[in-house]
Amino acid sequence: MECPACGYSTGEDASFCPRCGASLEKERGGEALPAGPANPPSPPVSPGSSSYSPSYHPAAQPPWQAPAPGSLPYPYSVPRTDGMCVAALILGLVSLVLVWVPILAWILGLLGIVFGALGMNAVRSNPQLKTGFGMGLAGLIMGGLGLLGGVVIFIVAVSLLP
């Protein structure tokens, strides 16, 4: 028996067309039944047949569905902030705050410059795994300002001594 809606050849005992879901009762002389589901599944096809499509598999996830929320592709790593950049930012900021203590400002400013340069180099060499270039740059600049400010304060303090 052929479906009147799509022409698909069905078995003699079928009530609905497996392809389009149209009622086949009218063909047999009975009263028409409502159509089946709006989007019936495609008939399964064996992998050895010529009409096999690798995209159709009953257990496969349909392509129009989005992946699960929060899922990431397998070979993916989240970039981490480089610790040297964070240390440079903290040391540079503390050297600016303690600019009034010249020797401490020199040490902290110098460490901020060194850690900032090393951290920026590490981020620049591997940007897929490390972030924090801006923090390293800010730590380097603040460390330099703290070092320079400590030197200026020291020179002014020594020149004011009797």
Protein backbone atom coordinates (compact mmCIF):
# COMPACT_ATOMS: atom_id res chain seq x y z
CA MET A 1 0.00 0.00 0.00
CA GLU A 2 1.29 3.49 -0.83
CA CYS A 3 0.86 6.55 1.34
CA PRO A 4 -1.49 9.08 -0.30
CA ALA A 5 0.53 12.02 1.11
CA CYS A 6 4.13 11.11 0.25
CA GLY A 7 3.92 7.97 -1.90
CA TYR A 8 6.02 5.87 0.47
CA SER A 9 5.41 2.15 0.13
CA THR A 10 4.19 0.75 3.46
CA GLY A 11 3.14 -2.66 4.71
CA GLU A 12 -0.48 -3.79 4.37
CA ASP A 13 -1.12 -3.73 8.14
CA ALA A 14 0.20 -0.18 8.77
CA SER A 15 -2.16 2.47 10.16
CA PHE A 16 0.17 5.42 9.65
CA CYS A 17 2.88 6.14 7.10
CA PRO A 18 6.29 5.67 8.77
CA ARG A 19 7.79 8.51 6.71
CA CYS A 20 5.26 11.35 6.98
CA GLY A 21 2.83 10.12 9.64
CA ALA A 22 -0.29 10.44 7.47
CA SER A 23 -3.25 8.19 8.26
CA LEU A 24 -3.67 5.16 5.96
CA GLU A 25 -7.18 4.24 7.22
CA LYS A 26 -8.86 6.30 4.51
CA GLU A 27 -7.13 4.11 1.90
CA ARG A 28 -8.77 1.03 3.40
CA GLY A 29 -12.21 2.55 3.41
CA GLY A 30 -12.29 3.38 7.12
CA GLU A 31 -12.61 6.79 8.64
CA ALA A 32 -9.57 9.03 8.58
CA LEU A 33 -7.54 9.14 11.76
CA PRO A 34 -5.52 12.13 12.84
CA ALA A 35 -1.98 12.21 11.51
CA GLY A 36 0.83 10.88 13.68
CA PRO A 37 3.65 12.93 15.11
CA ALA A 38 4.66 16.10 13.26
CA ASN A 39 8.26 14.98 12.75
CA PRO A 40 8.40 11.20 12.82
CA PRO A 41 11.85 9.62 13.02
CA SER A 42 13.45 8.47 9.79
CA PRO A 43 13.35 4.73 9.25
CA PRO A 44 16.52 3.03 10.43
CA VAL A 45 18.86 2.05 7.63
CA SER A 46 21.53 -0.61 7.98
CA PRO A 47 25.15 0.49 7.48
CA GLY A 48 25.58 -1.92 4.55
CA SER A 49 22.79 -0.48 2.38
CA SER A 50 23.36 2.15 -0.30
CA SER A 51 21.11 4.75 1.38
CA TYR A 52 23.02 4.66 4.68
CA SER A 53 23.80 8.08 6.05
CA PRO A 54 26.44 8.21 8.80
CA SER A 55 24.74 11.30 10.25
CA TYR A 56 21.63 9.26 11.17
CA HIS A 57 21.95 7.00 14.13
CA PRO A 58 19.09 6.34 16.55
CA ALA A 59 21.27 6.85 19.62
CA ALA A 60 23.21 9.83 18.25
CA GLN A 61 22.50 13.33 19.46
CA PRO A 62 20.64 15.35 16.78
CA PRO A 63 22.84 18.05 15.21
CA TRP A 64 20.42 20.86 16.07
CA GLN A 65 20.75 20.28 19.80
CA ALA A 66 23.30 22.38 21.61
CA PRO A 67 25.93 20.72 23.79
CA ALA A 68 25.24 20.41 27.49
CA PRO A 69 25.59 23.70 29.40
CA GLY A 70 29.05 24.19 30.82
CA SER A 71 30.61 21.46 28.70
CA LEU A 72 33.86 22.13 26.89
CA PRO A 73 35.65 20.24 24.18
CA TYR A 74 37.99 17.62 25.59
CA PRO A 75 41.46 19.01 24.79
CA TYR A 76 40.87 22.40 26.37
CA SER A 77 42.70 24.07 29.22
CA VAL A 78 41.73 27.35 30.81
CA PRO A 79 44.46 30.01 30.69
CA ARG A 80 45.82 30.77 34.17
CA THR A 81 47.13 34.08 35.45
CA ASP A 82 50.89 34.00 35.79
CA GLY A 83 52.01 34.23 39.42
CA MET A 84 54.99 36.43 38.61
CA CYS A 85 52.66 39.04 37.14
CA VAL A 86 50.51 39.04 40.27
CA ALA A 87 53.64 39.31 42.46
CA ALA A 88 54.92 42.19 40.32
CA LEU A 89 51.63 44.05 40.69
CA ILE A 90 51.60 43.61 44.48
CA LEU A 91 55.28 44.49 44.94
CA GLY A 92 55.00 47.55 42.67
CA LEU A 93 51.95 48.79 44.54
CA VAL A 94 53.55 48.28 47.95
CA SER A 95 56.73 50.05 46.77
CA LEU A 96 54.61 53.05 45.80
CA VAL A 97 52.82 53.05 49.14
CA LEU A 98 56.10 52.74 51.07
CA VAL A 99 58.00 55.25 48.94
CA TRP A 100 58.70 57.21 52.17
CA VAL A 101 60.93 54.39 53.42
CA PRO A 102 63.74 54.64 50.85
CA ILE A 103 65.61 51.34 51.28
CA LEU A 104 62.38 49.30 51.47
CA ALA A 105 61.00 51.15 48.41
CA TRP A 106 64.22 50.35 46.50
CA ILE A 107 64.05 46.64 47.30
CA LEU A 108 60.34 46.30 46.60
CA GLY A 109 60.55 48.43 43.44
CA LEU A 110 63.48 46.39 42.11
CA LEU A 111 61.63 43.12 42.84
CA GLY A 112 58.51 44.52 41.13
CA ILE A 113 60.55 45.37 38.02
CA VAL A 114 62.22 41.93 37.90
CA PHE A 115 59.00 39.96 38.51
CA GLY A 116 57.11 42.14 36.02
CA ALA A 117 59.68 41.55 33.28
CA LEU A 118 59.84 37.79 33.94
CA GLY A 119 56.05 37.47 34.11
CA MET A 120 55.49 39.44 30.92
CA ASN A 121 58.09 37.29 29.14
CA ALA A 122 56.36 34.09 30.36
CA VAL A 123 52.95 35.32 29.16
CA ARG A 124 54.34 36.45 25.83
CA SER A 125 56.05 33.09 25.23
CA ASN A 126 52.90 31.01 25.97
CA PRO A 127 49.70 33.08 25.57
CA GLN A 128 47.42 30.00 25.28
CA LEU A 129 48.19 28.86 28.83
CA LYS A 130 49.04 32.08 30.69
CA THR A 131 47.44 35.49 31.10
CA GLY A 132 48.32 38.58 33.14
CA PHE A 133 50.48 40.62 30.78
CA GLY A 134 48.77 43.84 31.91
CA MET A 135 49.37 43.06 35.58
CA GLY A 136 53.04 42.40 34.86
CA LEU A 137 53.32 45.68 32.97
CA ALA A 138 51.56 47.59 35.75
CA GLY A 139 53.84 45.98 38.35
CA LEU A 140 56.90 46.88 36.31
CA ILE A 141 55.79 50.51 35.94
CA MET A 142 54.78 50.90 39.61
CA GLY A 143 58.02 49.20 40.73
CA GLY A 144 60.01 51.64 38.60
CA LEU A 145 58.08 54.59 40.01
CA GLY A 146 58.55 53.28 43.57
CA LEU A 147 62.28 52.81 42.98
CA LEU A 148 62.61 56.27 41.41
CA GLY A 149 60.49 57.85 44.16
CA GLY A 150 62.60 56.19 46.85
CA VAL A 151 65.78 57.53 45.26
CA VAL A 152 64.32 61.05 45.00
CA ILE A 153 63.12 60.97 48.63
CA PHE A 154 66.55 59.74 49.76
CA ILE A 155 68.37 62.52 47.82
CA VAL A 156 66.01 65.17 49.19
CA ALA A 157 66.42 63.83 52.75
CA VAL A 158 70.23 63.74 52.50
CA SER A 159 70.38 67.28 51.04
CA LEU A 160 68.28 68.62 53.92
CA LEU A 161 70.62 67.22 56.60
CA PRO A 162 72.74 69.90 58.38
